[in-house]
PDB file of all heavy atoms in Angstrom:
ATOM      1  N   ARG A   1      17.764   9.914   2.249  1.00  0.00           N
ATOM      2  CA  ARG A   1      18.169   9.179   1.066  1.00  0.00           C
ATOM      3  C   ARG A   1      17.401   7.855   0.881  1.00  0.00           C
ATOM      4  O   ARG A   1      16.956   7.477  -0.150  1.00  0.00           O
ATOM      5  CB  ARG A   1      19.677   8.887   1.056  1.00  0.00           C
ATOM      6  CG  ARG A   1      20.228   8.208  -0.222  1.00  0.00           C
ATOM      7  CD  ARG A   1      21.738   8.195  -0.267  1.00  0.00           C
ATOM      8  NE  ARG A   1      22.301   7.468   0.883  1.00  0.00           N
ATOM      9  CZ  ARG A   1      22.964   8.066   1.875  1.00  0.00           C
ATOM     10  NH1 ARG A   1      23.033   9.393   1.947  1.00  0.00           N
ATOM     11  NH2 ARG A   1      23.409   7.318   2.883  1.00  0.00           N
ATOM     12  N   ALA A   2      17.242   7.150   2.018  1.00  0.00           N
ATOM     13  CA  ALA A   2      16.481   5.913   2.027  1.00  0.00           C
ATOM     14  C   ALA A   2      15.048   6.100   1.615  1.00  0.00           C
ATOM     15  O   ALA A   2      14.527   5.253   0.815  1.00  0.00           O
ATOM     16  CB  ALA A   2      16.623   5.250   3.389  1.00  0.00           C
ATOM     17  N   PHE A   3      14.407   7.092   2.091  1.00  0.00           N
ATOM     18  CA  PHE A   3      13.061   7.395   1.691  1.00  0.00           C
ATOM     19  C   PHE A   3      13.004   7.819   0.274  1.00  0.00           C
ATOM     20  O   PHE A   3      12.116   7.351  -0.542  1.00  0.00           O
ATOM     21  CB  PHE A   3      12.396   8.480   2.553  1.00  0.00           C
ATOM     22  CG  PHE A   3      11.818   7.977   3.843  1.00  0.00           C
ATOM     23  CD1 PHE A   3      12.532   8.085   5.046  1.00  0.00           C
ATOM     24  CD2 PHE A   3      10.595   7.386   3.917  1.00  0.00           C
ATOM     25  CE1 PHE A   3      12.030   7.653   6.267  1.00  0.00           C
ATOM     26  CE2 PHE A   3      10.040   6.921   5.104  1.00  0.00           C
ATOM     27  CZ  PHE A   3      10.762   6.985   6.232  1.00  0.00           C
ATOM     28  N   LYS A   4      13.915   8.559  -0.219  1.00  0.00           N
ATOM     29  CA  LYS A   4      14.018   8.955  -1.600  1.00  0.00           C
ATOM     30  C   LYS A   4      14.165   7.735  -2.564  1.00  0.00           C
ATOM     31  O   LYS A   4      13.585   7.624  -3.646  1.00  0.00           O
ATOM     32  CB  LYS A   4      15.106   9.998  -1.922  1.00  0.00           C
ATOM     33  CG  LYS A   4      15.140  10.466  -3.288  1.00  0.00           C
ATOM     34  CD  LYS A   4      16.197  11.611  -3.473  1.00  0.00           C
ATOM     35  CE  LYS A   4      16.268  12.168  -4.851  1.00  0.00           C
ATOM     36  NZ  LYS A   4      17.291  13.210  -4.971  1.00  0.00           N
ATOM     37  N   GLU A   5      15.037   6.830  -2.073  1.00  0.00           N
ATOM     38  CA  GLU A   5      15.303   5.597  -2.902  1.00  0.00           C
ATOM     39  C   GLU A   5      14.389   4.446  -2.643  1.00  0.00           C
ATOM     40  O   GLU A   5      14.482   3.418  -3.186  1.00  0.00           O
ATOM     41  CB  GLU A   5      16.754   5.126  -2.605  1.00  0.00           C
ATOM     42  CG  GLU A   5      17.857   6.145  -3.074  1.00  0.00           C
ATOM     43  CD  GLU A   5      19.221   5.754  -2.637  1.00  0.00           C
ATOM     44  OE1 GLU A   5      19.347   4.767  -1.872  1.00  0.00           O
ATOM     45  OE2 GLU A   5      20.200   6.430  -3.061  1.00  0.00           O
ATOM     46  N   ARG A   6      13.397   4.711  -1.751  1.00  0.00           N
ATOM     47  CA  ARG A   6      12.330   3.772  -1.460  1.00  0.00           C
ATOM     48  C   ARG A   6      12.788   2.418  -0.905  1.00  0.00           C
ATOM     49  O   ARG A   6      12.266   1.369  -1.244  1.00  0.00           O
ATOM     50  CB  ARG A   6      11.477   3.541  -2.759  1.00  0.00           C
ATOM     51  CG  ARG A   6      10.857   4.825  -3.295  1.00  0.00           C
ATOM     52  CD  ARG A   6      10.187   4.576  -4.646  1.00  0.00           C
ATOM     53  NE  ARG A   6       9.705   5.861  -5.273  1.00  0.00           N
ATOM     54  CZ  ARG A   6       9.276   5.999  -6.384  1.00  0.00           C
ATOM     55  NH1 ARG A   6       9.185   4.962  -7.236  1.00  0.00           N
ATOM     56  NH2 ARG A   6       8.847   7.176  -6.903  1.00  0.00           N
ATOM     57  N   THR A   7      13.831   2.557  -0.002  1.00  0.00           N
ATOM     58  CA  THR A   7      14.254   1.334   0.630  1.00  0.00           C
ATOM     59  C   THR A   7      13.663   1.203   1.987  1.00  0.00           C
ATOM     60  O   THR A   7      13.908   0.221   2.733  1.00  0.00           O
ATOM     61  CB  THR A   7      15.811   1.309   0.727  1.00  0.00           C
ATOM     62  OG1 THR A   7      16.232   2.451   1.460  1.00  0.00           O
ATOM     63  CG2 THR A   7      16.476   1.311  -0.672  1.00  0.00           C
ATOM     64  N   VAL A   8      12.852   2.169   2.391  1.00  0.00           N
ATOM     65  CA  VAL A   8      12.147   2.053   3.689  1.00  0.00           C
ATOM     66  C   VAL A   8      10.838   1.390   3.449  1.00  0.00           C
ATOM     67  O   VAL A   8      10.093   1.720   2.473  1.00  0.00           O
ATOM     68  CB  VAL A   8      11.924   3.502   4.281  1.00  0.00           C
ATOM     69  CG1 VAL A   8      11.091   3.379   5.615  1.00  0.00           C
ATOM     70  CG2 VAL A   8      13.200   4.202   4.525  1.00  0.00           C
ATOM     71  N   ASP A   9      10.528   0.363   4.268  1.00  0.00           N
ATOM     72  CA  ASP A   9       9.265  -0.408   4.059  1.00  0.00           C
ATOM     73  C   ASP A   9       8.233   0.158   5.064  1.00  0.00           C
ATOM     74  O   ASP A   9       8.368   0.028   6.266  1.00  0.00           O
ATOM     75  CB  ASP A   9       9.502  -1.883   4.370  1.00  0.00           C
ATOM     76  CG  ASP A   9       8.251  -2.728   4.128  1.00  0.00           C
ATOM     77  OD1 ASP A   9       7.290  -2.207   3.553  1.00  0.00           O
ATOM     78  OD2 ASP A   9       8.192  -3.868   4.698  1.00  0.00           O
ATOM     79  N   LYS A  10       7.231   0.892   4.518  1.00  0.00           N
ATOM     80  CA  LYS A  10       6.191   1.438   5.324  1.00  0.00           C
ATOM     81  C   LYS A  10       4.918   0.595   4.981  1.00  0.00           C
ATOM     82  O   LYS A  10       4.492   0.537   3.867  1.00  0.00           O
ATOM     83  CB  LYS A  10       5.902   2.888   4.935  1.00  0.00           C
ATOM     84  CG  LYS A  10       7.099   3.811   5.109  1.00  0.00           C
ATOM     85  CD  LYS A  10       6.741   5.181   4.548  1.00  0.00           C
ATOM     86  CE  LYS A  10       6.769   5.180   3.032  1.00  0.00           C
ATOM     87  NZ  LYS A  10       6.519   6.517   2.430  1.00  0.00           N
ATOM     88  N   THR A  11       4.384  -0.005   6.067  1.00  0.00           N
ATOM     89  CA  THR A  11       3.190  -0.879   5.858  1.00  0.00           C
ATOM     90  C   THR A  11       2.018  -0.248   6.661  1.00  0.00           C
ATOM     91  O   THR A  11       2.166   0.081   7.784  1.00  0.00           O
ATOM     92  CB  THR A  11       3.433  -2.262   6.428  1.00  0.00           C
ATOM     93  OG1 THR A  11       4.613  -2.841   5.766  1.00  0.00           O
ATOM     94  CG2 THR A  11       2.250  -3.180   6.119  1.00  0.00           C
ATOM     95  N   TYR A  12       0.941  -0.100   5.934  1.00  0.00           N
ATOM     96  CA  TYR A  12      -0.263   0.446   6.567  1.00  0.00           C
ATOM     97  C   TYR A  12      -1.327  -0.550   6.523  1.00  0.00           C
ATOM     98  O   TYR A  12      -1.475  -1.377   5.644  1.00  0.00           O
ATOM     99  CB  TYR A  12      -0.729   1.670   5.779  1.00  0.00           C
ATOM    100  CG  TYR A  12       0.177   2.854   5.851  1.00  0.00           C
ATOM    101  CD1 TYR A  12       1.274   2.952   4.963  1.00  0.00           C
ATOM    102  CD2 TYR A  12      -0.057   3.897   6.624  1.00  0.00           C
ATOM    103  CE1 TYR A  12       2.106   4.069   4.936  1.00  0.00           C
ATOM    104  CE2 TYR A  12       0.825   5.018   6.688  1.00  0.00           C
ATOM    105  CZ  TYR A  12       1.877   5.089   5.808  1.00  0.00           C
ATOM    106  OH  TYR A  12       2.707   6.181   5.789  1.00  0.00           O
ATOM    107  N   HIS A  13      -2.291  -0.501   7.479  1.00  0.00           N
ATOM    108  CA  HIS A  13      -3.547  -1.213   7.408  1.00  0.00           C
ATOM    109  C   HIS A  13      -4.633  -0.161   7.306  1.00  0.00           C
ATOM    110  O   HIS A  13      -4.586   0.875   7.932  1.00  0.00           O
ATOM    111  CB  HIS A  13      -3.806  -2.086   8.625  1.00  0.00           C
ATOM    112  CG  HIS A  13      -3.055  -3.377   8.550  1.00  0.00           C
ATOM    113  ND1 HIS A  13      -3.183  -4.379   9.492  1.00  0.00           N
ATOM    114  CD2 HIS A  13      -2.143  -3.864   7.612  1.00  0.00           C
ATOM    115  CE1 HIS A  13      -2.393  -5.462   9.223  1.00  0.00           C
ATOM    116  NE2 HIS A  13      -1.764  -5.117   8.047  1.00  0.00           N
ATOM    117  N   ALA A  14      -5.662  -0.478   6.426  1.00  0.00           N
ATOM    118  CA  ALA A  14      -6.740   0.459   6.253  1.00  0.00           C
ATOM    119  C   ALA A  14      -8.030  -0.360   6.149  1.00  0.00           C
ATOM    120  O   ALA A  14      -8.068  -1.445   5.580  1.00  0.00           O
ATOM    121  CB  ALA A  14      -6.563   1.252   4.899  1.00  0.00           C
ATOM    122  N   LEU A  15      -9.058   0.139   6.761  1.00  0.00           N
ATOM    123  CA  LEU A  15     -10.405  -0.444   6.630  1.00  0.00           C
ATOM    124  C   LEU A  15     -11.189   0.441   5.684  1.00  0.00           C
ATOM    125  O   LEU A  15     -11.414   1.565   5.965  1.00  0.00           O
ATOM    126  CB  LEU A  15     -11.053  -0.495   8.033  1.00  0.00           C
ATOM    127  CG  LEU A  15     -12.410  -1.323   8.021  1.00  0.00           C
ATOM    128  CD1 LEU A  15     -12.156  -2.798   7.843  1.00  0.00           C
ATOM    129  CD2 LEU A  15     -13.093  -1.053   9.420  1.00  0.00           C
ATOM    130  N   VAL A  16     -11.445  -0.173   4.518  1.00  0.00           N
ATOM    131  CA  VAL A  16     -12.107   0.566   3.441  1.00  0.00           C
ATOM    132  C   VAL A  16     -13.573   0.017   3.212  1.00  0.00           C
ATOM    133  O   VAL A  16     -13.838  -1.139   3.478  1.00  0.00           O
ATOM    134  CB  VAL A  16     -11.334   0.581   2.118  1.00  0.00           C
ATOM    135  CG1 VAL A  16      -9.903   1.116   2.343  1.00  0.00           C
ATOM    136  CG2 VAL A  16     -11.302  -0.752   1.493  1.00  0.00           C
ATOM    137  N   GLN A  17     -14.330   0.851   2.765  1.00  0.00           N
ATOM    138  CA  GLN A  17     -15.721   0.480   2.435  1.00  0.00           C
ATOM    139  C   GLN A  17     -15.858  -0.419   1.266  1.00  0.00           C
ATOM    140  O   GLN A  17     -15.133  -0.256   0.248  1.00  0.00           O
ATOM    141  CB  GLN A  17     -16.667   1.704   2.212  1.00  0.00           C
ATOM    142  CG  GLN A  17     -16.828   2.574   3.493  1.00  0.00           C
ATOM    143  CD  GLN A  17     -17.670   3.772   3.213  1.00  0.00           C
ATOM    144  OE1 GLN A  17     -17.618   4.717   4.018  1.00  0.00           O
ATOM    145  NE2 GLN A  17     -18.341   3.910   2.129  1.00  0.00           N
ATOM    146  N   GLY A  18     -16.695  -1.447   1.341  1.00  0.00           N
ATOM    147  CA  GLY A  18     -16.836  -2.408   0.227  1.00  0.00           C
ATOM    148  C   GLY A  18     -15.676  -3.300   0.065  1.00  0.00           C
ATOM    149  O   GLY A  18     -14.822  -3.448   0.986  1.00  0.00           O
ATOM    150  N   LEU A  19     -15.607  -3.980  -1.087  1.00  0.00           N
ATOM    151  CA  LEU A  19     -14.506  -4.896  -1.423  1.00  0.00           C
ATOM    152  C   LEU A  19     -13.929  -4.547  -2.750  1.00  0.00           C
ATOM    153  O   LEU A  19     -14.450  -4.619  -3.785  1.00  0.00           O
ATOM    154  CB  LEU A  19     -15.141  -6.334  -1.552  1.00  0.00           C
ATOM    155  CG  LEU A  19     -14.166  -7.412  -1.925  1.00  0.00           C
ATOM    156  CD1 LEU A  19     -13.058  -7.657  -0.934  1.00  0.00           C
ATOM    157  CD2 LEU A  19     -14.880  -8.774  -2.190  1.00  0.00           C
ATOM    158  N   PRO A  20     -12.592  -4.110  -2.663  1.00  0.00           N
ATOM    159  CA  PRO A  20     -11.932  -3.762  -3.875  1.00  0.00           C
ATOM    160  C   PRO A  20     -11.759  -5.016  -4.794  1.00  0.00           C
ATOM    161  O   PRO A  20     -11.589  -6.074  -4.398  1.00  0.00           O
ATOM    162  CB  PRO A  20     -10.474  -3.302  -3.398  1.00  0.00           C
ATOM    163  CG  PRO A  20     -10.704  -2.887  -1.938  1.00  0.00           C
ATOM    164  CD  PRO A  20     -11.766  -3.778  -1.431  1.00  0.00           C
ATOM    165  N   ASP A  21     -11.841  -4.667  -6.102  1.00  0.00           N
ATOM    166  CA  ASP A  21     -11.693  -5.703  -7.153  1.00  0.00           C
ATOM    167  C   ASP A  21     -10.652  -5.195  -8.171  1.00  0.00           C
ATOM    168  O   ASP A  21     -10.893  -4.140  -8.801  1.00  0.00           O
ATOM    169  CB  ASP A  21     -13.100  -5.911  -7.787  1.00  0.00           C
ATOM    170  CG  ASP A  21     -13.023  -7.023  -8.895  1.00  0.00           C
ATOM    171  OD1 ASP A  21     -12.067  -7.810  -8.863  1.00  0.00           O
ATOM    172  OD2 ASP A  21     -13.929  -7.022  -9.745  1.00  0.00           O
ATOM    173  N   PRO A  22      -9.512  -5.908  -8.249  1.00  0.00           N
ATOM    174  CA  PRO A  22      -9.216  -7.189  -7.637  1.00  0.00           C
ATOM    175  C   PRO A  22      -8.830  -7.111  -6.165  1.00  0.00           C
ATOM    176  O   PRO A  22      -8.636  -5.990  -5.725  1.00  0.00           O
ATOM    177  CB  PRO A  22      -7.990  -7.669  -8.516  1.00  0.00           C
ATOM    178  CG  PRO A  22      -7.303  -6.366  -8.884  1.00  0.00           C
ATOM    179  CD  PRO A  22      -8.474  -5.408  -9.190  1.00  0.00           C
ATOM    180  N   VAL A  23      -8.717  -8.229  -5.477  1.00  0.00           N
ATOM    181  CA  VAL A  23      -8.478  -8.218  -4.116  1.00  0.00           C
ATOM    182  C   VAL A  23      -7.004  -8.008  -3.776  1.00  0.00           C
ATOM    183  O   VAL A  23      -6.647  -7.739  -2.722  1.00  0.00           O
ATOM    184  CB  VAL A  23      -8.949  -9.550  -3.431  1.00  0.00           C
ATOM    185  CG1 VAL A  23     -10.432  -9.710  -3.459  1.00  0.00           C
ATOM    186  CG2 VAL A  23      -8.243 -10.787  -4.039  1.00  0.00           C
ATOM    187  N   GLN A  24      -6.181  -8.012  -4.849  1.00  0.00           N
ATOM    188  CA  GLN A  24      -4.770  -7.673  -4.685  1.00  0.00           C
ATOM    189  C   GLN A  24      -4.369  -6.876  -5.955  1.00  0.00           C
ATOM    190  O   GLN A  24      -4.719  -7.290  -7.054  1.00  0.00           O
ATOM    191  CB  GLN A  24      -3.913  -8.919  -4.590  1.00  0.00           C
ATOM    192  CG  GLN A  24      -2.395  -8.587  -4.405  1.00  0.00           C
ATOM    193  CD  GLN A  24      -1.622  -9.877  -4.146  1.00  0.00           C
ATOM    194  OE1 GLN A  24      -2.102 -10.918  -3.905  1.00  0.00           O
ATOM    195  NE2 GLN A  24      -0.262  -9.703  -4.156  1.00  0.00           N
ATOM    196  N   GLY A  25      -3.821  -5.667  -5.727  1.00  0.00           N
ATOM    197  CA  GLY A  25      -3.479  -4.902  -6.960  1.00  0.00           C
ATOM    198  C   GLY A  25      -2.603  -3.682  -6.643  1.00  0.00           C
ATOM    199  O   GLY A  25      -2.173  -3.488  -5.544  1.00  0.00           O
ATOM    200  N   THR A  26      -2.432  -2.866  -7.651  1.00  0.00           N
ATOM    201  CA  THR A  26      -1.606  -1.679  -7.569  1.00  0.00           C
ATOM    202  C   THR A  26      -2.458  -0.519  -8.141  1.00  0.00           C
ATOM    203  O   THR A  26      -3.040  -0.614  -9.247  1.00  0.00           O
ATOM    204  CB  THR A  26      -0.323  -1.850  -8.368  1.00  0.00           C
ATOM    205  OG1 THR A  26       0.504  -2.864  -7.748  1.00  0.00           O
ATOM    206  CG2 THR A  26       0.477  -0.506  -8.376  1.00  0.00           C
ATOM    207  N   ILE A  27      -2.460   0.533  -7.419  1.00  0.00           N
ATOM    208  CA  ILE A  27      -3.111   1.790  -7.923  1.00  0.00           C
ATOM    209  C   ILE A  27      -1.982   2.724  -8.389  1.00  0.00           C
ATOM    210  O   ILE A  27      -1.079   3.160  -7.535  1.00  0.00           O
ATOM    211  CB  ILE A  27      -3.990   2.483  -6.829  1.00  0.00           C
ATOM    212  CG1 ILE A  27      -4.944   1.429  -6.216  1.00  0.00           C
ATOM    213  CG2 ILE A  27      -4.665   3.700  -7.411  1.00  0.00           C
ATOM    214  CD1 ILE A  27      -5.635   1.909  -4.925  1.00  0.00           C
TER     215      ILE A  27
END
């Protein structure tokens, strides 16, 4: 239920090529 309701905080780190623009955003 918590995963379905999105109350679980999952934090990932990723090393991606280049520099995303903007440097903070939502896909």
